[in-house]
Amino acid sequence: FELAMAVVIAFNIALIILEADSDARCYPDYVGSLPDCPWTAAKRTPWIATVNLLLLILYTVEACARVFVERARYITNSWNLLDIFIVMTGWASVLLGSVVNVAFL
């Protein structure tokens, strides 16, 4: 299970690099109008948003499974607290993304 999650995390890092590299092509030419840039990841690779949501769901399931298995010990491990913080931040970004600019997350 740990190895499988490590592979998923490595895949997620590769997606982040791909998305950041794609968006970086827009600077400095499209600083004021990023949606107009033809190189944004949203335009070039729209499947990344779907994969990111699927990964967030997977991370949520993994965190819930850990809570179920570890019960009260879950909150004593700082890595688990970091994981749950990241998952909650990801869901906040998804849920509030259309209402509030959460790009800083």
PDB file of N, CA and C in Angstrom:
ATOM      1  N   PHE A   1       0.824  -1.192   0.000  1.00  0.00           N
ATOM      2  CA  PHE A   1       0.000   0.000   0.000  1.00  0.00           C
ATOM      3  C   PHE A   1       0.871   1.260   0.000  1.00  0.00           C
ATOM      4  N   GLU A   2       1.900   1.262   0.835  1.00  0.00           N
ATOM      5  CA  GLU A   2       2.791   2.422   0.913  1.00  0.00           C
ATOM      6  C   GLU A   2       3.503   2.654  -0.427  1.00  0.00           C
ATOM      7  N   LEU A   3       3.952   1.584  -1.047  1.00  0.00           N
ATOM      8  CA  LEU A   3       4.647   1.700  -2.328  1.00  0.00           C
ATOM      9  C   LEU A   3       3.698   2.209  -3.415  1.00  0.00           C
ATOM     10  N   ALA A   4       2.481   1.714  -3.410  1.00  0.00           N
ATOM     11  CA  ALA A   4       1.493   2.161  -4.401  1.00  0.00           C
ATOM     12  C   ALA A   4       1.214   3.656  -4.238  1.00  0.00           C
ATOM     13  N   MET A   5       1.078   4.112  -3.006  1.00  0.00           N
ATOM     14  CA  MET A   5       0.830   5.534  -2.776  1.00  0.00           C
ATOM     15  C   MET A   5       2.053   6.366  -3.160  1.00  0.00           C
ATOM     16  N   ALA A   6       3.245   5.826  -2.962  1.00  0.00           N
ATOM     17  CA  ALA A   6       4.460   6.537  -3.376  1.00  0.00           C
ATOM     18  C   ALA A   6       4.496   6.715  -4.893  1.00  0.00           C
ATOM     19  N   VAL A   7       4.072   5.702  -5.617  1.00  0.00           N
ATOM     20  CA  VAL A   7       4.010   5.792  -7.087  1.00  0.00           C
ATOM     21  C   VAL A   7       2.970   6.833  -7.503  1.00  0.00           C
ATOM     22  N   VAL A   8       1.832   6.843  -6.835  1.00  0.00           N
ATOM     23  CA  VAL A   8       0.783   7.830  -7.133  1.00  0.00           C
ATOM     24  C   VAL A   8       1.303   9.243  -6.866  1.00  0.00           C
ATOM     25  N   ILE A   9       2.006   9.433  -5.756  1.00  0.00           N
ATOM     26  CA  ILE A   9       2.558  10.749  -5.426  1.00  0.00           C
ATOM     27  C   ILE A   9       3.597  11.168  -6.462  1.00  0.00           C
ATOM     28  N   ALA A  10       4.435  10.252  -6.909  1.00  0.00           N
ATOM     29  CA  ALA A  10       5.424  10.565  -7.950  1.00  0.00           C
ATOM     30  C   ALA A  10       4.727  10.961  -9.248  1.00  0.00           C
ATOM     31  N   PHE A  11       3.654  10.259  -9.598  1.00  0.00           N
ATOM     32  CA  PHE A  11       2.874  10.610 -10.789  1.00  0.00           C
ATOM     33  C   PHE A  11       2.274  11.999 -10.637  1.00  0.00           C
ATOM     34  N   ASN A  12       1.764  12.310  -9.441  1.00  0.00           N
ATOM     35  CA  ASN A  12       1.178  13.619  -9.182  1.00  0.00           C
ATOM     36  C   ASN A  12       2.232  14.716  -9.309  1.00  0.00           C
ATOM     37  N   ILE A  13       3.433  14.459  -8.837  1.00  0.00           N
ATOM     38  CA  ILE A  13       4.514  15.438  -8.964  1.00  0.00           C
ATOM     39  C   ILE A  13       4.822  15.685 -10.442  1.00  0.00           C
ATOM     40  N   ALA A  14       4.834  14.630 -11.236  1.00  0.00           N
ATOM     41  CA  ALA A  14       5.073  14.786 -12.677  1.00  0.00           C
ATOM     42  C   ALA A  14       3.986  15.649 -13.313  1.00  0.00           C
ATOM     43  N   LEU A  15       2.733  15.469 -12.889  1.00  0.00           N
ATOM     44  CA  LEU A  15       1.643  16.301 -13.412  1.00  0.00           C
ATOM     45  C   LEU A  15       1.811  17.762 -13.009  1.00  0.00           C
ATOM     46  N   ILE A  16       2.229  17.988 -11.776  1.00  0.00           N
ATOM     47  CA  ILE A  16       2.447  19.357 -11.317  1.00  0.00           C
ATOM     48  C   ILE A  16       3.544  20.016 -12.136  1.00  0.00           C
ATOM     49  N   ILE A  17       4.610  19.285 -12.408  1.00  0.00           N
ATOM     50  CA  ILE A  17       5.704  19.822 -13.220  1.00  0.00           C
ATOM     51  C   ILE A  17       5.218  20.140 -14.627  1.00  0.00           C
ATOM     52  N   LEU A  18       4.458  19.237 -15.221  1.00  0.00           N
ATOM     53  CA  LEU A  18       3.917  19.458 -16.562  1.00  0.00           C
ATOM     54  C   LEU A  18       3.023  20.693 -16.596  1.00  0.00           C
ATOM     55  N   GLU A  19       2.150  20.823 -15.613  1.00  0.00           N
ATOM     56  CA  GLU A  19       1.228  21.961 -15.550  1.00  0.00           C
ATOM     57  C   GLU A  19       1.983  23.270 -15.316  1.00  0.00           C
ATOM     58  N   ALA A  20       2.949  23.264 -14.414  1.00  0.00           N
ATOM     59  CA  ALA A  20       3.718  24.479 -14.124  1.00  0.00           C
ATOM     60  C   ALA A  20       4.570  24.893 -15.327  1.00  0.00           C
ATOM     61  N   ASP A  21       5.151  23.917 -16.011  1.00  0.00           N
ATOM     62  CA  ASP A  21       5.957  24.214 -17.193  1.00  0.00           C
ATOM     63  C   ASP A  21       5.097  24.822 -18.296  1.00  0.00           C
ATOM     64  N   SER A  22       3.904  24.283 -18.456  1.00  0.00           N
ATOM     65  CA  SER A  22       2.996  24.800 -19.474  1.00  0.00           C
ATOM     66  C   SER A  22       2.566  26.227 -19.149  1.00  0.00           C
ATOM     67  N   ASP A  23       2.221  26.475 -17.889  1.00  0.00           N
ATOM     68  CA  ASP A  23       1.799  27.817 -17.497  1.00  0.00           C
ATOM     69  C   ASP A  23       2.958  28.809 -17.514  1.00  0.00           C
ATOM     70  N   ALA A  24       4.172  28.346 -17.282  1.00  0.00           N
ATOM     71  CA  ALA A  24       5.336  29.239 -17.254  1.00  0.00           C
ATOM     72  C   ALA A  24       5.615  29.846 -18.620  1.00  0.00           C
ATOM     73  N   ARG A  25       5.178  29.202 -19.665  1.00  0.00           N
ATOM     74  CA  ARG A  25       5.382  29.751 -21.009  1.00  0.00           C
ATOM     75  C   ARG A  25       4.598  31.043 -21.223  1.00  0.00           C
ATOM     76  N   CYS A  26       3.628  31.298 -20.376  1.00  0.00           N
ATOM     77  CA  CYS A  26       2.785  32.483 -20.522  1.00  0.00           C
ATOM     78  C   CYS A  26       3.439  33.746 -19.954  1.00  0.00           C
ATOM     79  N   TYR A  27       4.513  33.596 -19.218  1.00  0.00           N
ATOM     80  CA  TYR A  27       5.151  34.739 -18.573  1.00  0.00           C
ATOM     81  C   TYR A  27       6.358  35.171 -19.358  1.00  0.00           C
ATOM     82  N   PRO A  28       6.626  36.427 -19.492  1.00  0.00           N
ATOM     83  CA  PRO A  28       5.933  37.613 -18.996  1.00  0.00           C
ATOM     84  C   PRO A  28       4.899  38.175 -19.963  1.00  0.00           C
ATOM     85  N   ASP A  29       4.722  37.530 -21.105  1.00  0.00           N
ATOM     86  CA  ASP A  29       3.866  38.093 -22.156  1.00  0.00           C
ATOM     87  C   ASP A  29       2.396  38.234 -21.755  1.00  0.00           C
ATOM     88  N   TYR A  30       1.873  37.305 -20.979  1.00  0.00           N
ATOM     89  CA  TYR A  30       0.447  37.309 -20.648  1.00  0.00           C
ATOM     90  C   TYR A  30       0.187  37.526 -19.155  1.00  0.00           C
ATOM     91  N   VAL A  31       1.035  38.309 -18.508  1.00  0.00           N
ATOM     92  CA  VAL A  31       0.899  38.499 -17.057  1.00  0.00           C
ATOM     93  C   VAL A  31      -0.467  39.058 -16.694  1.00  0.00           C
ATOM     94  N   GLY A  32      -0.941  40.046 -17.407  1.00  0.00           N
ATOM     95  CA  GLY A  32      -2.229  40.666 -17.086  1.00  0.00           C
ATOM     96  C   GLY A  32      -3.427  39.918 -17.619  1.00  0.00           C
ATOM     97  N   SER A  33      -3.199  38.998 -18.537  1.00  0.00           N
ATOM     98  CA  SER A  33      -4.324  38.301 -19.164  1.00  0.00           C
ATOM     99  C   SER A  33      -3.996  36.828 -19.358  1.00  0.00           C
ATOM    100  N   LEU A  34      -3.800  36.132 -18.270  1.00  0.00           N
ATOM    101  CA  LEU A  34      -3.427  34.710 -18.327  1.00  0.00           C
ATOM    102  C   LEU A  34      -4.443  33.856 -19.101  1.00  0.00           C
ATOM    103  N   PRO A  35      -5.753  34.104 -19.005  1.00  0.00           N
ATOM    104  CA  PRO A  35      -6.695  33.283 -19.790  1.00  0.00           C
ATOM    105  C   PRO A  35      -6.504  33.389 -21.305  1.00  0.00           C
ATOM    106  N   ASP A  36      -5.873  34.472 -21.771  1.00  0.00           N
ATOM    107  CA  ASP A  36      -5.640  34.639 -23.207  1.00  0.00           C
ATOM    108  C   ASP A  36      -4.428  33.857 -23.709  1.00  0.00           C
ATOM    109  N   CYS A  37      -3.610  33.385 -22.810  1.00  0.00           N
ATOM    110  CA  CYS A  37      -2.389  32.676 -23.202  1.00  0.00           C
ATOM    111  C   CYS A  37      -2.738  31.319 -23.819  1.00  0.00           C
ATOM    112  N   PRO A  38      -2.208  31.034 -25.001  1.00  0.00           N
ATOM    113  CA  PRO A  38      -2.497  29.740 -25.637  1.00  0.00           C
ATOM    114  C   PRO A  38      -1.749  28.570 -25.007  1.00  0.00           C
ATOM    115  N   TRP A  39      -0.799  28.864 -24.122  1.00  0.00           N
ATOM    116  CA  TRP A  39       0.024  27.803 -23.539  1.00  0.00           C
ATOM    117  C   TRP A  39      -0.447  27.338 -22.167  1.00  0.00           C
ATOM    118  N   THR A  40      -1.503  27.905 -21.625  1.00  0.00           N
ATOM    119  CA  THR A  40      -1.921  27.493 -20.277  1.00  0.00           C
ATOM    120  C   THR A  40      -2.278  26.013 -20.275  1.00  0.00           C
ATOM    121  N   ALA A  41      -2.045  25.387 -19.141  1.00  0.00           N
ATOM    122  CA  ALA A  41      -2.319  23.954 -19.019  1.00  0.00           C
ATOM    123  C   ALA A  41      -3.793  23.660 -19.247  1.00  0.00           C
ATOM    124  N   ALA A  42      -4.654  24.595 -18.856  1.00  0.00           N
ATOM    125  CA  ALA A  42      -6.094  24.383 -19.041  1.00  0.00           C
ATOM    126  C   ALA A  42      -6.456  24.264 -20.523  1.00  0.00           C
ATOM    127  N   LYS A  43      -5.731  24.964 -21.383  1.00  0.00           N
ATOM    128  CA  LYS A  43      -6.016  24.904 -22.825  1.00  0.00           C
ATOM    129  C   LYS A  43      -5.276  23.765 -23.516  1.00  0.00           C
ATOM    130  N   ARG A  44      -4.017  23.553 -23.142  1.00  0.00           N
ATOM    131  CA  ARG A  44      -3.206  22.538 -23.820  1.00  0.00           C
ATOM    132  C   ARG A  44      -3.477  21.133 -23.325  1.00  0.00           C
ATOM    133  N   THR A  45      -3.735  20.995 -22.039  1.00  0.00           N
ATOM    134  CA  THR A  45      -3.929  19.673 -21.446  1.00  0.00           C
ATOM    135  C   THR A  45      -5.129  19.708 -20.493  1.00  0.00           C
ATOM    136  N   PRO A  46      -6.341  19.787 -21.029  1.00  0.00           N
ATOM    137  CA  PRO A  46      -7.523  19.896 -20.165  1.00  0.00           C
ATOM    138  C   PRO A  46      -7.762  18.653 -19.313  1.00  0.00           C
ATOM    139  N   TRP A  47      -7.179  17.542 -19.664  1.00  0.00           N
ATOM    140  CA  TRP A  47      -7.355  16.307 -18.901  1.00  0.00           C
ATOM    141  C   TRP A  47      -6.676  16.373 -17.539  1.00  0.00           C
ATOM    142  N   ILE A  48      -5.730  17.313 -17.367  1.00  0.00           N
ATOM    143  CA  ILE A  48      -5.020  17.417 -16.091  1.00  0.00           C
ATOM    144  C   ILE A  48      -5.983  17.754 -14.957  1.00  0.00           C
ATOM    145  N   ALA A  49      -6.966  18.607 -15.202  1.00  0.00           N
ATOM    146  CA  ALA A  49      -7.925  18.968 -14.153  1.00  0.00           C
ATOM    147  C   ALA A  49      -8.713  17.737 -13.693  1.00  0.00           C
ATOM    148  N   THR A  50      -9.090  16.888 -14.629  1.00  0.00           N
ATOM    149  CA  THR A  50      -9.824  15.667 -14.276  1.00  0.00           C
ATOM    150  C   THR A  50      -8.928  14.717 -13.484  1.00  0.00           C
ATOM    151  N   VAL A  51      -7.701  14.547 -13.915  1.00  0.00           N
ATOM    152  CA  VAL A  51      -6.772  13.661 -13.218  1.00  0.00           C
ATOM    153  C   VAL A  51      -6.473  14.204 -11.821  1.00  0.00           C
ATOM    154  N   ASN A  52      -6.322  15.531 -11.697  1.00  0.00           N
ATOM    155  CA  ASN A  52      -6.084  16.122 -10.378  1.00  0.00           C
ATOM    156  C   ASN A  52      -7.251  15.848  -9.429  1.00  0.00           C
ATOM    157  N   LEU A  53      -8.469  15.936  -9.930  1.00  0.00           N
ATOM    158  CA  LEU A  53      -9.637  15.644  -9.090  1.00  0.00           C
ATOM    159  C   LEU A  53      -9.656  14.168  -8.694  1.00  0.00           C
ATOM    160  N   LEU A  54      -9.343  13.280  -9.619  1.00  0.00           N
ATOM    161  CA  LEU A  54      -9.290  11.852  -9.299  1.00  0.00           C
ATOM    162  C   LEU A  54      -8.206  11.551  -8.256  1.00  0.00           C
ATOM    163  N   LEU A  55      -7.075  12.221  -8.373  1.00  0.00           N
ATOM    164  CA  LEU A  55      -6.014  12.039  -7.383  1.00  0.00           C
ATOM    165  C   LEU A  55      -6.444  12.561  -6.016  1.00  0.00           C
ATOM    166  N   LEU A  56      -7.161  13.678  -5.997  1.00  0.00           N
ATOM    167  CA  LEU A  56      -7.659  14.207  -4.727  1.00  0.00           C
ATOM    168  C   LEU A  56      -8.644  13.233  -4.084  1.00  0.00           C
ATOM    169  N   ILE A  57      -9.490  12.631  -4.889  1.00  0.00           N
ATOM    170  CA  ILE A  57     -10.419  11.621  -4.368  1.00  0.00           C
ATOM    171  C   ILE A  57      -9.635  10.429  -3.812  1.00  0.00           C
ATOM    172  N   LEU A  58      -8.608  10.001  -4.523  1.00  0.00           N
ATOM    173  CA  LEU A  58      -7.778   8.891  -4.054  1.00  0.00           C
ATOM    174  C   LEU A  58      -7.090   9.231  -2.732  1.00  0.00           C
ATOM    175  N   TYR A  59      -6.543  10.446  -2.631  1.00  0.00           N
ATOM    176  CA  TYR A  59      -5.899  10.867  -1.387  1.00  0.00           C
ATOM    177  C   TYR A  59      -6.907  10.930  -0.241  1.00  0.00           C
ATOM    178  N   THR A  60      -8.133  11.328  -0.545  1.00  0.00           N
ATOM    179  CA  THR A  60      -9.182  11.376   0.480  1.00  0.00           C
ATOM    180  C   THR A  60      -9.522   9.975   0.967  1.00  0.00           C
ATOM    181  N   VAL A  61      -9.649   9.041   0.044  1.00  0.00           N
ATOM    182  CA  VAL A  61      -9.927   7.650   0.410  1.00  0.00           C
ATOM    183  C   VAL A  61      -8.775   7.091   1.241  1.00  0.00           C
ATOM    184  N   GLU A  62      -7.550   7.408   0.849  1.00  0.00           N
ATOM    185  CA  GLU A  62      -6.390   6.932   1.602  1.00  0.00           C
ATOM    186  C   GLU A  62      -6.382   7.495   3.024  1.00  0.00           C
ATOM    187  N   ALA A  63      -6.702   8.782   3.169  1.00  0.00           N
ATOM    188  CA  ALA A  63      -6.742   9.392   4.503  1.00  0.00           C
ATOM    189  C   ALA A  63      -7.854   8.775   5.344  1.00  0.00           C
ATOM    190  N   CYS A  64      -9.005   8.544   4.746  1.00  0.00           N
ATOM    191  CA  CYS A  64     -10.118   7.915   5.479  1.00  0.00           C
ATOM    192  C   CYS A  64      -9.765   6.487   5.892  1.00  0.00           C
ATOM    193  N   ALA A  65      -9.082   5.761   5.031  1.00  0.00           N
ATOM    194  CA  ALA A  65      -8.665   4.398   5.371  1.00  0.00           C
ATOM    195  C   ALA A  65      -7.681   4.412   6.535  1.00  0.00           C
ATOM    196  N   ARG A  66      -6.777   5.384   6.520  1.00  0.00           N
ATOM    197  CA  ARG A  66      -5.818   5.496   7.626  1.00  0.00           C
ATOM    198  C   ARG A  66      -6.532   5.840   8.938  1.00  0.00           C
ATOM    199  N   VAL A  67      -7.517   6.724   8.871  1.00  0.00           N
ATOM    200  CA  VAL A  67      -8.282   7.062  10.077  1.00  0.00           C
ATOM    201  C   VAL A  67      -8.992   5.817  10.593  1.00  0.00           C
ATOM    202  N   PHE A  68      -9.569   5.037   9.696  1.00  0.00           N
ATOM    203  CA  PHE A  68     -10.277   3.821  10.100  1.00  0.00           C
ATOM    204  C   PHE A  68      -9.335   2.811  10.750  1.00  0.00           C
ATOM    205  N   VAL A  69      -8.157   2.638  10.161  1.00  0.00           N
ATOM    206  CA  VAL A  69      -7.212   1.642  10.671  1.00  0.00           C
ATOM    207  C   VAL A  69      -6.529   2.125  11.953  1.00  0.00           C
ATOM    208  N   GLU A  70      -6.077   3.367  11.972  1.00  0.00           N
ATOM    209  CA  GLU A  70      -5.291   3.846  13.100  1.00  0.00           C
ATOM    210  C   GLU A  70      -6.132   4.434  14.233  1.00  0.00           C
ATOM    211  N   ARG A  71      -7.366   4.799  13.920  1.00  0.00           N
ATOM    212  CA  ARG A  71      -8.297   5.371  14.907  1.00  0.00           C
ATOM    213  C   ARG A  71      -7.662   6.552  15.645  1.00  0.00           C
ATOM    214  N   ALA A  72      -7.609   6.508  16.959  1.00  0.00           N
ATOM    215  CA  ALA A  72      -7.129   7.646  17.761  1.00  0.00           C
ATOM    216  C   ALA A  72      -5.640   7.921  17.540  1.00  0.00           C
ATOM    217  N   ARG A  73      -4.880   6.915  17.138  1.00  0.00           N
ATOM    218  CA  ARG A  73      -3.453   7.119  16.875  1.00  0.00           C
ATOM    219  C   ARG A  73      -3.204   7.977  15.644  1.00  0.00           C
ATOM    220  N   TYR A  74      -4.228   8.137  14.818  1.00  0.00           N
ATOM    221  CA  TYR A  74      -4.076   8.893  13.571  1.00  0.00           C
ATOM    222  C   TYR A  74      -3.568  10.305  13.846  1.00  0.00           C
ATOM    223  N   ILE A  75      -4.130  10.963  14.841  1.00  0.00           N
ATOM    224  CA  ILE A  75      -3.781  12.359  15.085  1.00  0.00           C
ATOM    225  C   ILE A  75      -2.454  12.522  15.824  1.00  0.00           C
ATOM    226  N   THR A  76      -1.843  11.431  16.235  1.00  0.00           N
ATOM    227  CA  THR A  76      -0.550  11.535  16.918  1.00  0.00           C
ATOM    228  C   THR A  76       0.625  11.513  15.939  1.00  0.00           C
ATOM    229  N   ASN A  77       0.361  11.185  14.696  1.00  0.00           N
ATOM    230  CA  ASN A  77       1.414  11.129  13.682  1.00  0.00           C
ATOM    231  C   ASN A  77       1.396  12.427  12.883  1.00  0.00           C
ATOM    232  N   SER A  78       2.502  13.165  12.896  1.00  0.00           N
ATOM    233  CA  SER A  78       2.523  14.447  12.194  1.00  0.00           C
ATOM    234  C   SER A  78       2.419  14.303  10.676  1.00  0.00           C
ATOM    235  N   TRP A  79       2.854  13.176  10.115  1.00  0.00           N
ATOM    236  CA  TRP A  79       2.690  12.969   8.665  1.00  0.00           C
ATOM    237  C   TRP A  79       1.212  12.843   8.315  1.00  0.00           C
ATOM    238  N   ASN A  80       0.449  12.177   9.166  1.00  0.00           N
ATOM    239  CA  ASN A  80      -0.990  12.067   8.931  1.00  0.00           C
ATOM    240  C   ASN A  80      -1.661  13.433   8.997  1.00  0.00           C
ATOM    241  N   LEU A  81      -1.222  14.257   9.944  1.00  0.00           N
ATOM    242  CA  LEU A  81      -1.789  15.602  10.047  1.00  0.00           C
ATOM    243  C   LEU A  81      -1.459  16.435   8.815  1.00  0.00           C
ATOM    244  N   LEU A  82      -0.244  16.276   8.300  1.00  0.00           N
ATOM    245  CA  LEU A  82       0.123  16.971   7.065  1.00  0.00           C
ATOM    246  C   LEU A  82      -0.736  16.467   5.908  1.00  0.00           C
ATOM    247  N   ASP A  83      -0.918  15.162   5.814  1.00  0.00           N
ATOM    248  CA  ASP A  83      -1.751  14.587   4.750  1.00  0.00           C
ATOM    249  C   ASP A  83      -3.173  15.128   4.799  1.00  0.00           C
ATOM    250  N   ILE A  84      -3.773  15.143   5.988  1.00  0.00           N
ATOM    251  CA  ILE A  84      -5.163  15.585   6.090  1.00  0.00           C
ATOM    252  C   ILE A  84      -5.264  17.084   5.810  1.00  0.00           C
ATOM    253  N   PHE A  85      -4.238  17.854   6.185  1.00  0.00           N
ATOM    254  CA  PHE A  85      -4.225  19.280   5.864  1.00  0.00           C
ATOM    255  C   PHE A  85      -4.178  19.490   4.352  1.00  0.00           C
ATOM    256  N   ILE A  86      -3.341  18.728   3.680  1.00  0.00           N
ATOM    257  CA  ILE A  86      -3.234  18.847   2.217  1.00  0.00           C
ATOM    258  C   ILE A  86      -4.539  18.440   1.543  1.00  0.00           C
ATOM    259  N   VAL A  87      -5.152  17.371   2.013  1.00  0.00           N
ATOM    260  CA  VAL A  87      -6.427  16.924   1.432  1.00  0.00           C
ATOM    261  C   VAL A  87      -7.508  17.982   1.664  1.00  0.00           C
ATOM    262  N   MET A  88      -7.579  18.527   2.866  1.00  0.00           N
ATOM    263  CA  MET A  88      -8.595  19.547   3.151  1.00  0.00           C
ATOM    264  C   MET A  88      -8.350  20.816   2.337  1.00  0.00           C
ATOM    265  N   THR A  89      -7.086  21.182   2.151  1.00  0.00           N
ATOM    266  CA  THR A  89      -6.757  22.339   1.323  1.00  0.00           C
ATOM    267  C   THR A  89      -7.147  22.083  -0.137  1.00  0.00           C
ATOM    268  N   GLY A  90      -6.916  20.864  -0.610  1.00  0.00           N
ATOM    269  CA  GLY A  90      -7.313  20.506  -1.972  1.00  0.00           C
ATOM    270  C   GLY A  90      -8.815  20.610  -2.175  1.00  0.00           C
ATOM    271  N   TRP A  91      -9.590  20.108  -1.204  1.00  0.00           N
ATOM    272  CA  TRP A  91     -11.049  20.205  -1.318  1.00  0.00           C
ATOM    273  C   TRP A  91     -11.519  21.652  -1.203  1.00  0.00           C
ATOM    274  N   ALA A  92     -10.866  22.448  -0.362  1.00  0.00           N
ATOM    275  CA  ALA A  92     -11.219  23.869  -0.266  1.00  0.00           C
ATOM    276  C   ALA A  92     -10.973  24.560  -1.600  1.00  0.00           C
ATOM    277  N   SER A  93      -9.877  24.200  -2.253  1.00  0.00           N
ATOM    278  CA  SER A  93      -9.570  24.769  -3.562  1.00  0.00           C
ATOM    279  C   SER A  93     -10.620  24.376  -4.597  1.00  0.00           C
ATOM    280  N   VAL A  94     -11.051  23.127  -4.569  1.00  0.00           N
ATOM    281  CA  VAL A  94     -12.068  22.653  -5.521  1.00  0.00           C
ATOM    282  C   VAL A  94     -13.404  23.326  -5.254  1.00  0.00           C
ATOM    283  N   LEU A  95     -13.815  23.363  -3.991  1.00  0.00           N
ATOM    284  CA  LEU A  95     -15.136  23.884  -3.650  1.00  0.00           C
ATOM    285  C   LEU A  95     -15.221  25.402  -3.728  1.00  0.00           C
ATOM    286  N   LEU A  96     -14.147  26.086  -3.385  1.00  0.00           N
ATOM    287  CA  LEU A  96     -14.165  27.545  -3.397  1.00  0.00           C
ATOM    288  C   LEU A  96     -13.534  28.141  -4.646  1.00  0.00           C
ATOM    289  N   GLY A  97     -12.993  27.308  -5.507  1.00  0.00           N
ATOM    290  CA  GLY A  97     -12.285  27.784  -6.694  1.00  0.00           C
ATOM    291  C   GLY A  97     -13.113  28.645  -7.618  1.00  0.00           C
ATOM    292  N   SER A  98     -14.400  28.368  -7.716  1.00  0.00           N
ATOM    293  CA  SER A  98     -15.244  29.165  -8.602  1.00  0.00           C
ATOM    294  C   SER A  98     -15.750  30.435  -7.926  1.00  0.00           C
ATOM    295  N   VAL A  99     -15.621  30.502  -6.595  1.00  0.00           N
ATOM    296  CA  VAL A  99     -16.129  31.662  -5.856  1.00  0.00           C
ATOM    297  C   VAL A  99     -15.016  32.631  -5.480  1.00  0.00           C
ATOM    298  N   VAL A 100     -13.908  32.070  -4.987  1.00  0.00           N
ATOM    299  CA  VAL A 100     -12.790  32.860  -4.480  1.00  0.00           C
ATOM    300  C   VAL A 100     -11.530  32.449  -5.236  1.00  0.00           C
ATOM    301  N   ASN A 101     -10.644  33.398  -5.465  1.00  0.00           N
ATOM    302  CA  ASN A 101      -9.372  33.090  -6.117  1.00  0.00           C
ATOM    303  C   ASN A 101      -8.470  32.411  -5.092  1.00  0.00           C
ATOM    304  N   VAL A 102      -8.291  31.102  -5.230  1.00  0.00           N
ATOM    305  CA  VAL A 102      -7.460  30.343  -4.314  1.00  0.00           C
ATOM    306  C   VAL A 102      -6.178  29.875  -5.000  1.00  0.00           C
ATOM    307  N   ALA A 103      -5.720  30.627  -5.968  1.00  0.00           N
ATOM    308  CA  ALA A 103      -4.520  30.256  -6.719  1.00  0.00           C
ATOM    309  C   ALA A 103      -3.284  30.222  -5.827  1.00  0.00           C
ATOM    310  N   PHE A 104      -3.299  30.974  -4.735  1.00  0.00           N
ATOM    311  CA  PHE A 104      -2.134  30.992  -3.847  1.00  0.00           C
ATOM    312  C   PHE A 104      -1.948  29.662  -3.134  1.00  0.00           C
ATOM    313  N   LEU A 105      -2.990  28.803  -3.087  1.00  0.00           N
ATOM    314  CA  LEU A 105      -2.877  27.515  -2.433  1.00  0.00           C
ATOM    315  C   LEU A 105      -2.099  26.559  -3.306  1.00  0.00           C
TER     316      LEU A 105
END
